[in-house]
Amino acid sequence: MANSYAQLGLDPTLVHYTSLYGLQGIVGNHSLFVSHAAFLNDREELVHGLRAAKDAIQQSSRFHGWNQSKLLPVLNDVVEDYLKTPPDVYVTCFGTDTDSLTHWRGYCEGQGVSIELSLAGLEQLTGEIGGEFQQVIYSKVGDHGQAATEIQARVDWLIERMGSFITNENQRRLLLAKVVRSAAAAFKHVGFKDETEWRYVYSEQPAPDFIQFRVRDNVLVPYFVLKGAGPLPITKVTVGPGKDQEFTRKSIERFLKASGYGIVPVIESNVPYRT
């Protein structure tokens, strides 16, 4: 559907940008934070995806064939409900470029680093709880073409594999709600297109005791911890622009070894950006 692993190469990797404090937590605890999408940088993020879904459903003729199976009214009701109360969708954000000025500026407070991870290793890490890795789709407000294609592909996939659910109204609504939650998290405004973002998306309802909160600026962000039994599948670390990159690099190399990661390549950014 939204995924296009082929463009990531033969040995796919994704890149997570964070601060030096973030690296310390990720490497030291062998874990990643999966945060509520409604509390990310773009506060309209989920709303944009839901509006794209609503426009697609109402305006695209490609959905007309679903009326006979009563999918379209349920799908529209689900979107309307989520526009009133945004759904619980949790994400971890990644890029594909290990040395991106856009990301150094936008996602790294203080000394930034980028952590390259094996996609195969990440999928193994998330295998027990589910969720999916998907490529973000960038669209303008009112541009429903891509949303229509994405939602239709997801519902067609459900119909193909679970056609019997159409006769069960409650199950139909639950499954379509999951489609909408996941699809909404796949969209961002075209103004963010330089990020070339991928996401791990968890669209199930986590158990209450699974959720923690952390302070971010003026809000408490809901999140849960994605923790491995051992070291994460880190393949490379890049030290972002800073006052003494070589010294920072050497300290990270030492920390990685002390944390059980062995020899992981640590390189310095080539971006001429003053922090």
C-alpha atoms as a PDB file:
ATOM      1  CA  MET A   1       0.000   0.000   0.000  1.00  0.00           C
ATOM      2  CA  ALA A   2       1.935   3.084   1.140  1.00  0.00           C
ATOM      3  CA  ASN A   3       5.139   1.101   1.572  1.00  0.00           C
ATOM      4  CA  SER A   4       7.841   1.134  -1.092  1.00  0.00           C
ATOM      5  CA  TYR A   5      10.729  -0.815   0.397  1.00  0.00           C
ATOM      6  CA  ALA A   6      12.424  -1.126  -3.010  1.00  0.00           C
ATOM      7  CA  GLN A   7      13.617   2.489  -2.895  1.00  0.00           C
ATOM      8  CA  LEU A   8      15.461   1.781   0.362  1.00  0.00           C
ATOM      9  CA  GLY A   9      17.897  -0.556  -1.410  1.00  0.00           C
ATOM     10  CA  LEU A  10      18.848  -4.219  -1.099  1.00  0.00           C
ATOM     11  CA  ASP A  11      19.580  -3.974   2.632  1.00  0.00           C
ATOM     12  CA  PRO A  12      16.930  -1.462   3.764  1.00  0.00           C
ATOM     13  CA  THR A  13      17.711   0.900   6.612  1.00  0.00           C
ATOM     14  CA  LEU A  14      15.814   3.725   8.287  1.00  0.00           C
ATOM     15  CA  VAL A  15      17.271   6.686  10.142  1.00  0.00           C
ATOM     16  CA  HIS A  16      16.134   8.170  13.455  1.00  0.00           C
ATOM     17  CA  TYR A  17      17.260  11.703  14.355  1.00  0.00           C
ATOM     18  CA  THR A  18      17.624  12.678  17.989  1.00  0.00           C
ATOM     19  CA  SER A  19      19.777  14.573  20.465  1.00  0.00           C
ATOM     20  CA  LEU A  20      22.793  13.226  22.292  1.00  0.00           C
ATOM     21  CA  TYR A  21      20.500  12.728  25.314  1.00  0.00           C
ATOM     22  CA  GLY A  22      18.158  10.735  23.078  1.00  0.00           C
ATOM     23  CA  LEU A  23      21.005   8.542  21.842  1.00  0.00           C
ATOM     24  CA  GLN A  24      22.012   7.844  25.429  1.00  0.00           C
ATOM     25  CA  GLY A  25      18.527   6.563  26.244  1.00  0.00           C
ATOM     26  CA  ILE A  26      18.070   4.598  23.020  1.00  0.00           C
ATOM     27  CA  VAL A  27      21.430   2.835  23.189  1.00  0.00           C
ATOM     28  CA  GLY A  28      21.614   2.488  26.962  1.00  0.00           C
ATOM     29  CA  ASN A  29      18.108   1.011  27.285  1.00  0.00           C
ATOM     30  CA  HIS A  30      17.981  -0.788  23.908  1.00  0.00           C
ATOM     31  CA  SER A  31      14.674   0.930  23.229  1.00  0.00           C
ATOM     32  CA  LEU A  32      12.728   3.432  21.121  1.00  0.00           C
ATOM     33  CA  PHE A  33       9.826   5.650  22.140  1.00  0.00           C
ATOM     34  CA  VAL A  34       6.561   5.267  20.218  1.00  0.00           C
ATOM     35  CA  SER A  35       4.641   8.515  20.740  1.00  0.00           C
ATOM     36  CA  HIS A  36       1.022   9.590  20.295  1.00  0.00           C
ATOM     37  CA  ALA A  37       0.762  11.153  16.825  1.00  0.00           C
ATOM     38  CA  ALA A  38      -1.437  13.993  18.064  1.00  0.00           C
ATOM     39  CA  PHE A  39       1.494  15.326  20.134  1.00  0.00           C
ATOM     40  CA  LEU A  40       4.114  15.520  17.389  1.00  0.00           C
ATOM     41  CA  ASN A  41       5.592  18.685  15.859  1.00  0.00           C
ATOM     42  CA  ASP A  42       2.708  19.244  13.451  1.00  0.00           C
ATOM     43  CA  ARG A  43      -0.352  19.526  15.697  1.00  0.00           C
ATOM     44  CA  GLU A  44      -2.676  19.242  12.682  1.00  0.00           C
ATOM     45  CA  GLU A  45      -1.038  16.050  11.482  1.00  0.00           C
ATOM     46  CA  LEU A  46      -3.768  13.514  12.189  1.00  0.00           C
ATOM     47  CA  VAL A  47      -6.478  16.027  11.326  1.00  0.00           C
ATOM     48  CA  HIS A  48      -4.880  16.550   7.909  1.00  0.00           C
ATOM     49  CA  GLY A  49      -4.894  12.801   7.271  1.00  0.00           C
ATOM     50  CA  LEU A  50      -8.505  12.465   8.413  1.00  0.00           C
ATOM     51  CA  ARG A  51      -9.630  15.383   6.257  1.00  0.00           C
ATOM     52  CA  ALA A  52      -7.862  13.842   3.294  1.00  0.00           C
ATOM     53  CA  ALA A  53      -9.725  10.602   4.003  1.00  0.00           C
ATOM     54  CA  LYS A  54     -13.044  12.436   4.287  1.00  0.00           C
ATOM     55  CA  ASP A  55     -12.516  14.305   1.011  1.00  0.00           C
ATOM     56  CA  ALA A  56     -11.517  11.100  -0.717  1.00  0.00           C
ATOM     57  CA  ILE A  57     -14.590   9.223   0.480  1.00  0.00           C
ATOM     58  CA  GLN A  58     -17.027  11.987  -0.449  1.00  0.00           C
ATOM     59  CA  GLN A  59     -15.570  12.969  -3.812  1.00  0.00           C
ATOM     60  CA  SER A  60     -13.927   9.958  -5.394  1.00  0.00           C
ATOM     61  CA  SER A  61     -16.003   7.849  -7.777  1.00  0.00           C
ATOM     62  CA  ARG A  62     -13.655   4.957  -7.048  1.00  0.00           C
ATOM     63  CA  PHE A  63     -15.579   4.248  -3.850  1.00  0.00           C
ATOM     64  CA  HIS A  64     -19.014   4.041  -5.445  1.00  0.00           C
ATOM     65  CA  GLY A  65     -18.809   0.288  -5.890  1.00  0.00           C
ATOM     66  CA  TRP A  66     -18.671  -0.149  -2.127  1.00  0.00           C
ATOM     67  CA  ASN A  67     -22.189   1.161  -1.525  1.00  0.00           C
ATOM     68  CA  GLN A  68     -23.748  -2.244  -2.156  1.00  0.00           C
ATOM     69  CA  SER A  69     -21.721  -3.799   0.654  1.00  0.00           C
ATOM     70  CA  LYS A  70     -22.517  -0.869   3.000  1.00  0.00           C
ATOM     71  CA  LEU A  71     -18.872  -0.084   3.541  1.00  0.00           C
ATOM     72  CA  LEU A  72     -18.980   3.543   2.455  1.00  0.00           C
ATOM     73  CA  PRO A  73     -21.446   4.856   5.103  1.00  0.00           C
ATOM     74  CA  VAL A  74     -19.558   3.107   7.903  1.00  0.00           C
ATOM     75  CA  LEU A  75     -16.229   4.412   6.636  1.00  0.00           C
ATOM     76  CA  ASN A  76     -17.600   7.950   6.500  1.00  0.00           C
ATOM     77  CA  ASP A  77     -19.051   7.668  10.038  1.00  0.00           C
ATOM     78  CA  VAL A  78     -15.715   6.486  11.393  1.00  0.00           C
ATOM     79  CA  VAL A  79     -13.892   9.447   9.837  1.00  0.00           C
ATOM     80  CA  GLU A  80     -16.470  11.899  11.215  1.00  0.00           C
ATOM     81  CA  ASP A  81     -16.114  10.431  14.715  1.00  0.00           C
ATOM     82  CA  TYR A  82     -12.317  10.702  14.567  1.00  0.00           C
ATOM     83  CA  LEU A  83     -12.488  14.316  13.363  1.00  0.00           C
ATOM     84  CA  LYS A  84     -14.396  15.112  16.556  1.00  0.00           C
ATOM     85  CA  THR A  85     -12.064  13.096  18.778  1.00  0.00           C
ATOM     86  CA  PRO A  86      -8.675  12.234  17.207  1.00  0.00           C
ATOM     87  CA  PRO A  87      -7.833   8.532  17.437  1.00  0.00           C
ATOM     88  CA  ASP A  88      -5.079   6.998  19.510  1.00  0.00           C
ATOM     89  CA  VAL A  89      -2.308   6.319  17.014  1.00  0.00           C
ATOM     90  CA  TYR A  90       1.297   5.913  18.130  1.00  0.00           C
ATOM     91  CA  VAL A  91       4.291   6.447  15.855  1.00  0.00           C
ATOM     92  CA  THR A  92       8.074   6.508  15.707  1.00  0.00           C
ATOM     93  CA  CYS A  93       9.480   8.719  12.970  1.00  0.00           C
ATOM     94  CA  PHE A  94      12.368   7.892  10.643  1.00  0.00           C
ATOM     95  CA  GLY A  95      14.056   9.334   7.594  1.00  0.00           C
ATOM     96  CA  THR A  96      16.159   7.782   4.846  1.00  0.00           C
ATOM     97  CA  ASP A  97      19.110  10.224   4.748  1.00  0.00           C
ATOM     98  CA  THR A  98      21.751   9.958   7.479  1.00  0.00           C
ATOM     99  CA  ASP A  99      23.020  13.526   6.988  1.00  0.00           C
ATOM    100  CA  SER A 100      20.053  15.826   6.318  1.00  0.00           C
ATOM    101  CA  LEU A 101      20.133  19.554   7.047  1.00  0.00           C
ATOM    102  CA  THR A 102      16.324  19.543   7.291  1.00  0.00           C
ATOM    103  CA  HIS A 103      16.465  16.996  10.105  1.00  0.00           C
ATOM    104  CA  TRP A 104      19.448  18.562  11.905  1.00  0.00           C
ATOM    105  CA  ARG A 105      17.502  21.797  12.068  1.00  0.00           C
ATOM    106  CA  GLY A 106      14.110  20.370  12.927  1.00  0.00           C
ATOM    107  CA  TYR A 107      14.628  17.372  15.169  1.00  0.00           C
ATOM    108  CA  CYS A 108      17.891  17.728  17.045  1.00  0.00           C
ATOM    109  CA  GLU A 109      18.059  19.870  20.142  1.00  0.00           C
ATOM    110  CA  GLY A 110      21.641  20.732  21.058  1.00  0.00           C
ATOM    111  CA  GLN A 111      24.101  18.179  19.714  1.00  0.00           C
ATOM    112  CA  GLY A 112      22.220  16.053  17.197  1.00  0.00           C
ATOM    113  CA  VAL A 113      22.884  12.528  15.980  1.00  0.00           C
ATOM    114  CA  SER A 114      21.288  10.278  13.411  1.00  0.00           C
ATOM    115  CA  ILE A 115      20.935   6.568  14.130  1.00  0.00           C
ATOM    116  CA  GLU A 116      20.717   4.235  11.154  1.00  0.00           C
ATOM    117  CA  LEU A 117      18.864   0.962  11.854  1.00  0.00           C
ATOM    118  CA  SER A 118      18.219  -2.155   9.819  1.00  0.00           C
ATOM    119  CA  LEU A 119      14.588  -2.330   8.687  1.00  0.00           C
ATOM    120  CA  ALA A 120      14.639  -6.126   8.938  1.00  0.00           C
ATOM    121  CA  GLY A 121      15.844  -5.829  12.527  1.00  0.00           C
ATOM    122  CA  LEU A 122      13.181  -3.239  13.335  1.00  0.00           C
ATOM    123  CA  GLU A 123      10.442  -5.459  11.914  1.00  0.00           C
ATOM    124  CA  GLN A 124      11.698  -8.314  14.066  1.00  0.00           C
ATOM    125  CA  LEU A 125      11.636  -6.002  17.089  1.00  0.00           C
ATOM    126  CA  THR A 126       8.000  -5.016  16.461  1.00  0.00           C
ATOM    127  CA  GLY A 127       6.867  -8.490  15.442  1.00  0.00           C
ATOM    128  CA  GLU A 128       5.302  -9.443  18.763  1.00  0.00           C
ATOM    129  CA  ILE A 129       3.076  -6.373  19.165  1.00  0.00           C
ATOM    130  CA  GLY A 130       2.294  -5.706  15.495  1.00  0.00           C
ATOM    131  CA  GLY A 131       2.090  -2.354  13.785  1.00  0.00           C
ATOM    132  CA  GLU A 132       3.546  -1.464  10.415  1.00  0.00           C
ATOM    133  CA  PHE A 133       6.296   0.544   8.773  1.00  0.00           C
ATOM    134  CA  GLN A 134       4.961   2.891   6.129  1.00  0.00           C
ATOM    135  CA  GLN A 135       6.179   5.640   3.886  1.00  0.00           C
ATOM    136  CA  VAL A 136       4.592   9.020   4.557  1.00  0.00           C
ATOM    137  CA  ILE A 137       2.469  10.492   1.756  1.00  0.00           C
ATOM    138  CA  TYR A 138       2.645  14.269   1.342  1.00  0.00           C
ATOM    139  CA  SER A 139      -0.465  16.010   0.057  1.00  0.00           C
ATOM    140  CA  LYS A 140      -2.058  19.445  -0.173  1.00  0.00           C
ATOM    141  CA  VAL A 141      -5.268  20.375   1.623  1.00  0.00           C
ATOM    142  CA  GLY A 142      -8.137  19.372  -0.661  1.00  0.00           C
ATOM    143  CA  ASP A 143      -6.011  17.011  -2.761  1.00  0.00           C
ATOM    144  CA  HIS A 144      -7.884  13.744  -2.220  1.00  0.00           C
ATOM    145  CA  GLY A 145      -6.419  11.659  -5.034  1.00  0.00           C
ATOM    146  CA  GLN A 146      -3.625   9.987  -3.072  1.00  0.00           C
ATOM    147  CA  ALA A 147      -5.848   9.509  -0.037  1.00  0.00           C
ATOM    148  CA  ALA A 148      -8.478   7.810  -2.169  1.00  0.00           C
ATOM    149  CA  THR A 149      -5.890   5.467  -3.651  1.00  0.00           C
ATOM    150  CA  GLU A 150      -4.429   4.620  -0.236  1.00  0.00           C
ATOM    151  CA  ILE A 151      -7.732   4.014   1.560  1.00  0.00           C
ATOM    152  CA  GLN A 152      -9.160   2.023  -1.336  1.00  0.00           C
ATOM    153  CA  ALA A 153      -6.057  -0.181  -1.381  1.00  0.00           C
ATOM    154  CA  ARG A 154      -6.350  -0.844   2.350  1.00  0.00           C
ATOM    155  CA  VAL A 155     -10.067  -1.665   2.267  1.00  0.00           C
ATOM    156  CA  ASP A 156      -9.676  -3.801  -0.862  1.00  0.00           C
ATOM    157  CA  TRP A 157      -6.963  -5.691   0.994  1.00  0.00           C
ATOM    158  CA  LEU A 158      -9.401  -6.349   3.863  1.00  0.00           C
ATOM    159  CA  ILE A 159     -12.174  -7.437   1.530  1.00  0.00           C
ATOM    160  CA  GLU A 160      -9.866  -9.804  -0.325  1.00  0.00           C
ATOM    161  CA  ARG A 161      -8.602 -11.518   2.822  1.00  0.00           C
ATOM    162  CA  MET A 162     -11.579 -11.122   5.152  1.00  0.00           C
ATOM    163  CA  GLY A 163     -14.608 -10.866   2.895  1.00  0.00           C
ATOM    164  CA  SER A 164     -16.911 -12.440   5.463  1.00  0.00           C
ATOM    165  CA  PHE A 165     -16.558  -9.452   7.815  1.00  0.00           C
ATOM    166  CA  ILE A 166     -18.864  -7.424   5.555  1.00  0.00           C
ATOM    167  CA  THR A 167     -21.923  -9.178   7.006  1.00  0.00           C
ATOM    168  CA  ASN A 168     -20.971  -8.401  10.612  1.00  0.00           C
ATOM    169  CA  GLU A 169     -21.672  -4.740  11.330  1.00  0.00           C
ATOM    170  CA  ASN A 170     -19.649  -4.442  14.550  1.00  0.00           C
ATOM    171  CA  GLN A 171     -16.620  -6.220  13.141  1.00  0.00           C
ATOM    172  CA  ARG A 172     -16.919  -4.208   9.957  1.00  0.00           C
ATOM    173  CA  ARG A 173     -16.775  -0.955  11.907  1.00  0.00           C
ATOM    174  CA  LEU A 174     -13.827  -2.073  14.031  1.00  0.00           C
ATOM    175  CA  LEU A 175     -11.792  -3.110  11.016  1.00  0.00           C
ATOM    176  CA  LEU A 176     -12.609   0.009   9.033  1.00  0.00           C
ATOM    177  CA  ALA A 177     -11.735   2.158  12.044  1.00  0.00           C
ATOM    178  CA  LYS A 178      -8.310   0.540  12.083  1.00  0.00           C
ATOM    179  CA  VAL A 179      -7.932   1.259   8.360  1.00  0.00           C
ATOM    180  CA  VAL A 180      -8.736   4.936   8.950  1.00  0.00           C
ATOM    181  CA  ARG A 181      -6.381   5.256  11.954  1.00  0.00           C
ATOM    182  CA  SER A 182      -3.485   3.729  10.079  1.00  0.00           C
ATOM    183  CA  ALA A 183      -4.150   5.640   6.857  1.00  0.00           C
ATOM    184  CA  ALA A 184      -4.500   8.977   8.671  1.00  0.00           C
ATOM    185  CA  ALA A 185      -1.022   8.537  10.137  1.00  0.00           C
ATOM    186  CA  ALA A 186       0.376   8.024   6.627  1.00  0.00           C
ATOM    187  CA  PHE A 187      -0.364  11.608   5.534  1.00  0.00           C
ATOM    188  CA  LYS A 188       1.417  14.898   6.180  1.00  0.00           C
ATOM    189  CA  HIS A 189       1.072  18.306   4.614  1.00  0.00           C
ATOM    190  CA  VAL A 190       3.179  18.800   1.482  1.00  0.00           C
ATOM    191  CA  GLY A 191       5.125  21.512   3.337  1.00  0.00           C
ATOM    192  CA  PHE A 192       7.015  18.709   5.134  1.00  0.00           C
ATOM    193  CA  LYS A 193       7.942  16.789   1.962  1.00  0.00           C
ATOM    194  CA  ASP A 194      11.702  17.407   2.330  1.00  0.00           C
ATOM    195  CA  GLU A 195      11.663  15.078   5.329  1.00  0.00           C
ATOM    196  CA  THR A 196      11.021  11.988   3.124  1.00  0.00           C
ATOM    197  CA  GLU A 197       9.656  10.394   6.274  1.00  0.00           C
ATOM    198  CA  TRP A 198       8.859   6.805   7.129  1.00  0.00           C
ATOM    199  CA  ARG A 199       6.973   5.770  10.242  1.00  0.00           C
ATOM    200  CA  TYR A 200       6.385   2.851  12.475  1.00  0.00           C
ATOM    201  CA  VAL A 201       2.625   3.079  13.110  1.00  0.00           C
ATOM    202  CA  TYR A 202       0.818   1.322  15.959  1.00  0.00           C
ATOM    203  CA  SER A 203      -2.927   1.772  15.519  1.00  0.00           C
ATOM    204  CA  GLU A 204      -4.224  -0.695  18.098  1.00  0.00           C
ATOM    205  CA  GLN A 205      -5.483   0.423  21.527  1.00  0.00           C
ATOM    206  CA  PRO A 206      -2.635  -0.053  24.032  1.00  0.00           C
ATOM    207  CA  ALA A 207      -3.424  -1.272  27.539  1.00  0.00           C
ATOM    208  CA  PRO A 208      -3.600   1.679  29.996  1.00  0.00           C
ATOM    209  CA  ASP A 209      -0.659   0.418  32.050  1.00  0.00           C
ATOM    210  CA  PHE A 210       1.387   0.214  28.830  1.00  0.00           C
ATOM    211  CA  ILE A 211       1.323   4.005  28.352  1.00  0.00           C
ATOM    212  CA  GLN A 212       3.778   6.389  29.991  1.00  0.00           C
ATOM    213  CA  PHE A 213       4.100  10.190  29.809  1.00  0.00           C
ATOM    214  CA  ARG A 214       7.083  12.484  29.315  1.00  0.00           C
ATOM    215  CA  VAL A 215       7.446  16.253  29.301  1.00  0.00           C
ATOM    216  CA  ARG A 216       7.923  17.945  25.933  1.00  0.00           C
ATOM    217  CA  ASP A 217       7.835  21.730  25.965  1.00  0.00           C
ATOM    218  CA  ASN A 218       4.440  22.598  27.473  1.00  0.00           C
ATOM    219  CA  VAL A 219       2.702  19.208  27.196  1.00  0.00           C
ATOM    220  CA  LEU A 220       2.826  15.694  28.621  1.00  0.00           C
ATOM    221  CA  VAL A 221       3.277  13.330  25.678  1.00  0.00           C
ATOM    222  CA  PRO A 222       1.734   9.826  25.873  1.00  0.00           C
ATOM    223  CA  TYR A 223       4.120   7.136  24.641  1.00  0.00           C
ATOM    224  CA  PHE A 224       5.149   3.532  25.088  1.00  0.00           C
ATOM    225  CA  VAL A 225       8.557   1.907  24.971  1.00  0.00           C
ATOM    226  CA  LEU A 226       9.570  -0.455  22.186  1.00  0.00           C
ATOM    227  CA  LYS A 227      12.295  -2.477  23.875  1.00  0.00           C
ATOM    228  CA  GLY A 228      14.526  -5.196  22.521  1.00  0.00           C
ATOM    229  CA  ALA A 229      15.902  -8.159  24.414  1.00  0.00           C
ATOM    230  CA  GLY A 230      19.364  -6.947  23.486  1.00  0.00           C
ATOM    231  CA  PRO A 231      21.054  -4.288  21.369  1.00  0.00           C
ATOM    232  CA  LEU A 232      18.954  -2.592  18.707  1.00  0.00           C
ATOM    233  CA  PRO A 233      19.799  -3.229  15.007  1.00  0.00           C
ATOM    234  CA  ILE A 234      21.963  -0.099  14.736  1.00  0.00           C
ATOM    235  CA  THR A 235      24.162  -0.080  11.625  1.00  0.00           C
ATOM    236  CA  LYS A 236      25.645   3.428  11.791  1.00  0.00           C
ATOM    237  CA  VAL A 237      25.625   6.648  13.816  1.00  0.00           C
ATOM    238  CA  THR A 238      26.269  10.092  12.334  1.00  0.00           C
ATOM    239  CA  VAL A 239      27.365  12.993  14.531  1.00  0.00           C
ATOM    240  CA  GLY A 240      25.491  16.117  13.520  1.00  0.00           C
ATOM    241  CA  PRO A 241      26.991  19.600  13.188  1.00  0.00           C
ATOM    242  CA  GLY A 242      28.454  20.773  16.480  1.00  0.00           C
ATOM    243  CA  LYS A 243      31.343  22.494  18.197  1.00  0.00           C
ATOM    244  CA  ASP A 244      33.711  19.486  18.376  1.00  0.00           C
ATOM    245  CA  GLN A 245      32.453  16.626  16.204  1.00  0.00           C
ATOM    246  CA  GLU A 246      35.592  14.521  16.513  1.00  0.00           C
ATOM    247  CA  PHE A 247      35.456  14.568  20.306  1.00  0.00           C
ATOM    248  CA  THR A 248      31.728  13.761  20.222  1.00  0.00           C
ATOM    249  CA  ARG A 249      32.352  10.886  17.781  1.00  0.00           C
ATOM    250  CA  LYS A 250      34.992   9.309  20.013  1.00  0.00           C
ATOM    251  CA  SER A 251      32.713   9.501  23.050  1.00  0.00           C
ATOM    252  CA  ILE A 252      29.860   7.823  21.127  1.00  0.00           C
ATOM    253  CA  GLU A 253      32.164   5.031  19.931  1.00  0.00           C
ATOM    254  CA  ARG A 254      33.192   4.354  23.513  1.00  0.00           C
ATOM    255  CA  PHE A 255      29.570   4.440  24.713  1.00  0.00           C
ATOM    256  CA  LEU A 256      28.397   2.018  21.997  1.00  0.00           C
ATOM    257  CA  LYS A 257      31.076  -0.506  22.932  1.00  0.00           C
ATOM    258  CA  ALA A 258      30.295  -0.183  26.643  1.00  0.00           C
ATOM    259  CA  SER A 259      26.592  -0.757  25.903  1.00  0.00           C
ATOM    260  CA  GLY A 260      27.175  -4.032  24.061  1.00  0.00           C
ATOM    261  CA  TYR A 261      27.023  -2.804  20.470  1.00  0.00           C
ATOM    262  CA  GLY A 262      30.549  -3.752  19.486  1.00  0.00           C
ATOM    263  CA  ILE A 263      32.041  -1.864  16.568  1.00  0.00           C
ATOM    264  CA  VAL A 264      29.399   0.355  14.967  1.00  0.00           C
ATOM    265  CA  PRO A 265      30.596   2.907  12.386  1.00  0.00           C
ATOM    266  CA  VAL A 266      30.358   6.459  13.789  1.00  0.00           C
ATOM    267  CA  ILE A 267      30.965   9.236  11.278  1.00  0.00           C
ATOM    268  CA  GLU A 268      30.815  13.017  11.296  1.00  0.00           C
ATOM    269  CA  SER A 269      28.293  15.072   9.346  1.00  0.00           C
ATOM    270  CA  ASN A 270      29.483  16.876   6.226  1.00  0.00           C
ATOM    271  CA  VAL A 271      26.733  19.504   6.448  1.00  0.00           C
ATOM    272  CA  PRO A 272      28.230  23.008   6.952  1.00  0.00           C
ATOM    273  CA  TYR A 273      25.688  24.154   9.514  1.00  0.00           C
ATOM    274  CA  ARG A 274      26.455  26.169  12.622  1.00  0.00           C
ATOM    275  CA  THR A 275      24.569  25.170  15.769  1.00  0.00           C
END
